[in-house]
Amino acid sequence: MTDLPWIAGTKFPRVYNEQTALVTYYDFVGGNLPIYVGEAPSGTGSAAVGWRIQKRSYDSNNKLISITWAGNGKHNQIYSDRATLTYS
């Protein structure tokens, strides 16, 4: 996996997986732990349909306690809408 630069004007890096040709975005929402994690085929813009997005929850000790998915975990979401999507 090759690390790519931080996306300008954001607090999330993008990571490119050469084996699967997927890009992963991490949004830390002002903290040190990723809250939203989005994955899409390389070349998919953050405002385009094609993302699989998860929302992570942590306890008071920063232990991961749940992962929920928008759109049942399918590549059918828009990453820039991540904060307003429904997760289950």
C-alpha atoms as a PDB file:
ATOM      1  CA  MET A   1       0.000   0.000   0.000  1.00  0.00           C
ATOM      2  CA  THR A   2       1.316   3.432  -0.923  1.00  0.00           C
ATOM      3  CA  ASP A   3       0.542   6.512   1.158  1.00  0.00           C
ATOM      4  CA  LEU A   4      -0.522   9.538  -0.829  1.00  0.00           C
ATOM      5  CA  PRO A   5      -0.530  13.132   0.438  1.00  0.00           C
ATOM      6  CA  TRP A   6      -3.199  14.653   2.620  1.00  0.00           C
ATOM      7  CA  ILE A   7      -6.125  15.950   0.628  1.00  0.00           C
ATOM      8  CA  ALA A   8      -5.821  19.738   0.484  1.00  0.00           C
ATOM      9  CA  GLY A   9      -7.971  21.596   3.008  1.00  0.00           C
ATOM     10  CA  THR A  10      -9.066  18.477   4.903  1.00  0.00           C
ATOM     11  CA  LYS A  11      -8.084  16.457   7.916  1.00  0.00           C
ATOM     12  CA  PHE A  12      -8.125  13.098   6.195  1.00  0.00           C
ATOM     13  CA  PRO A  13      -5.424  11.317   4.252  1.00  0.00           C
ATOM     14  CA  ARG A  14      -5.972   9.219   1.206  1.00  0.00           C
ATOM     15  CA  VAL A  15      -4.345   5.833   0.810  1.00  0.00           C
ATOM     16  CA  TYR A  16      -4.084   3.946  -2.455  1.00  0.00           C
ATOM     17  CA  ASN A  17      -4.057   0.162  -2.461  1.00  0.00           C
ATOM     18  CA  GLU A  18      -2.163  -0.940  -5.570  1.00  0.00           C
ATOM     19  CA  GLN A  19      -3.481  -4.519  -5.423  1.00  0.00           C
ATOM     20  CA  THR A  20      -7.175  -3.617  -5.522  1.00  0.00           C
ATOM     21  CA  ALA A  21      -7.018  -0.155  -7.159  1.00  0.00           C
ATOM     22  CA  LEU A  22      -9.077   1.311  -4.305  1.00  0.00           C
ATOM     23  CA  VAL A  23      -8.592   4.638  -2.566  1.00  0.00           C
ATOM     24  CA  THR A  24      -9.353   4.920   1.159  1.00  0.00           C
ATOM     25  CA  TYR A  25     -10.179   8.222   2.862  1.00  0.00           C
ATOM     26  CA  TYR A  26     -10.016   8.658   6.651  1.00  0.00           C
ATOM     27  CA  ASP A  27     -11.840  11.470   8.449  1.00  0.00           C
ATOM     28  CA  PHE A  28     -10.730  11.996  12.034  1.00  0.00           C
ATOM     29  CA  VAL A  29     -13.365  14.700  12.790  1.00  0.00           C
ATOM     30  CA  GLY A  30     -10.984  16.756  14.899  1.00  0.00           C
ATOM     31  CA  GLY A  31      -9.575  13.858  16.933  1.00  0.00           C
ATOM     32  CA  ASN A  32      -6.882  11.225  16.692  1.00  0.00           C
ATOM     33  CA  LEU A  33      -9.134   8.311  15.763  1.00  0.00           C
ATOM     34  CA  PRO A  34     -10.819   7.838  12.391  1.00  0.00           C
ATOM     35  CA  ILE A  35     -14.597   8.276  12.603  1.00  0.00           C
ATOM     36  CA  TYR A  36     -15.459   7.895   8.916  1.00  0.00           C
ATOM     37  CA  VAL A  37     -13.616   5.563   6.551  1.00  0.00           C
ATOM     38  CA  GLY A  38     -14.505   5.598   2.866  1.00  0.00           C
ATOM     39  CA  GLU A  39     -13.289   3.288   0.139  1.00  0.00           C
ATOM     40  CA  ALA A  40     -13.863   3.640  -3.611  1.00  0.00           C
ATOM     41  CA  PRO A  41     -12.298   2.700  -6.925  1.00  0.00           C
ATOM     42  CA  SER A  42      -9.364   4.913  -7.832  1.00  0.00           C
ATOM     43  CA  GLY A  43     -10.533   8.032  -9.648  1.00  0.00           C
ATOM     44  CA  THR A  44     -13.874   8.329  -7.810  1.00  0.00           C
ATOM     45  CA  GLY A  45     -14.290  11.906  -6.612  1.00  0.00           C
ATOM     46  CA  SER A  46     -15.456  12.564  -3.050  1.00  0.00           C
ATOM     47  CA  ALA A  47     -18.699  14.070  -4.431  1.00  0.00           C
ATOM     48  CA  ALA A  48     -19.387  11.124  -6.755  1.00  0.00           C
ATOM     49  CA  VAL A  49     -21.455   7.988  -6.124  1.00  0.00           C
ATOM     50  CA  GLY A  50     -19.263   4.932  -5.675  1.00  0.00           C
ATOM     51  CA  TRP A  51     -18.077   4.972  -2.055  1.00  0.00           C
ATOM     52  CA  ARG A  52     -18.406   2.333   0.651  1.00  0.00           C
ATOM     53  CA  ILE A  53     -18.442   4.273   3.930  1.00  0.00           C
ATOM     54  CA  GLN A  54     -18.199   3.117   7.522  1.00  0.00           C
ATOM     55  CA  LYS A  55     -18.670   5.035  10.744  1.00  0.00           C
ATOM     56  CA  ARG A  56     -16.644   3.986  13.767  1.00  0.00           C
ATOM     57  CA  SER A  57     -17.573   4.515  17.419  1.00  0.00           C
ATOM     58  CA  TYR A  58     -15.197   4.421  20.368  1.00  0.00           C
ATOM     59  CA  ASP A  59     -15.610   4.173  24.125  1.00  0.00           C
ATOM     60  CA  SER A  60     -14.082   6.602  26.628  1.00  0.00           C
ATOM     61  CA  ASN A  61     -10.807   4.635  26.510  1.00  0.00           C
ATOM     62  CA  ASN A  62     -10.580   5.055  22.712  1.00  0.00           C
ATOM     63  CA  LYS A  63     -11.369   1.378  22.172  1.00  0.00           C
ATOM     64  CA  LEU A  64     -13.274   0.658  18.962  1.00  0.00           C
ATOM     65  CA  ILE A  65     -16.736  -0.546  19.973  1.00  0.00           C
ATOM     66  CA  SER A  66     -18.713  -0.514  16.726  1.00  0.00           C
ATOM     67  CA  ILE A  67     -18.529  -0.146  12.978  1.00  0.00           C
ATOM     68  CA  THR A  68     -21.688   0.736  11.078  1.00  0.00           C
ATOM     69  CA  TRP A  69     -22.152   1.122   7.338  1.00  0.00           C
ATOM     70  CA  ALA A  70     -23.994   3.518   5.058  1.00  0.00           C
ATOM     71  CA  GLY A  71     -25.944   1.802   2.281  1.00  0.00           C
ATOM     72  CA  ASN A  72     -25.392  -1.691   3.697  1.00  0.00           C
ATOM     73  CA  GLY A  73     -21.673  -1.471   2.977  1.00  0.00           C
ATOM     74  CA  LYS A  74     -22.049  -1.249  -0.788  1.00  0.00           C
ATOM     75  CA  HIS A  75     -20.109   1.109  -3.069  1.00  0.00           C
ATOM     76  CA  ASN A  76     -23.187   3.304  -3.588  1.00  0.00           C
ATOM     77  CA  GLN A  77     -22.594   6.373  -1.408  1.00  0.00           C
ATOM     78  CA  ILE A  78     -21.106   9.875  -1.757  1.00  0.00           C
ATOM     79  CA  TYR A  79     -18.145  10.445   0.544  1.00  0.00           C
ATOM     80  CA  SER A  80     -18.699  14.173   0.928  1.00  0.00           C
ATOM     81  CA  ASP A  81     -22.158  13.354   2.416  1.00  0.00           C
ATOM     82  CA  ARG A  82     -20.674  11.057   5.093  1.00  0.00           C
ATOM     83  CA  ALA A  83     -21.736  13.160   8.102  1.00  0.00           C
ATOM     84  CA  THR A  84     -25.417  13.168   7.067  1.00  0.00           C
ATOM     85  CA  LEU A  85     -25.805   9.565   5.886  1.00  0.00           C
ATOM     86  CA  THR A  86     -27.740   6.882   7.772  1.00  0.00           C
ATOM     87  CA  TYR A  87     -25.545   4.136   9.223  1.00  0.00           C
ATOM     88  CA  SER A  88     -26.641   0.703  10.407  1.00  0.00           C
END
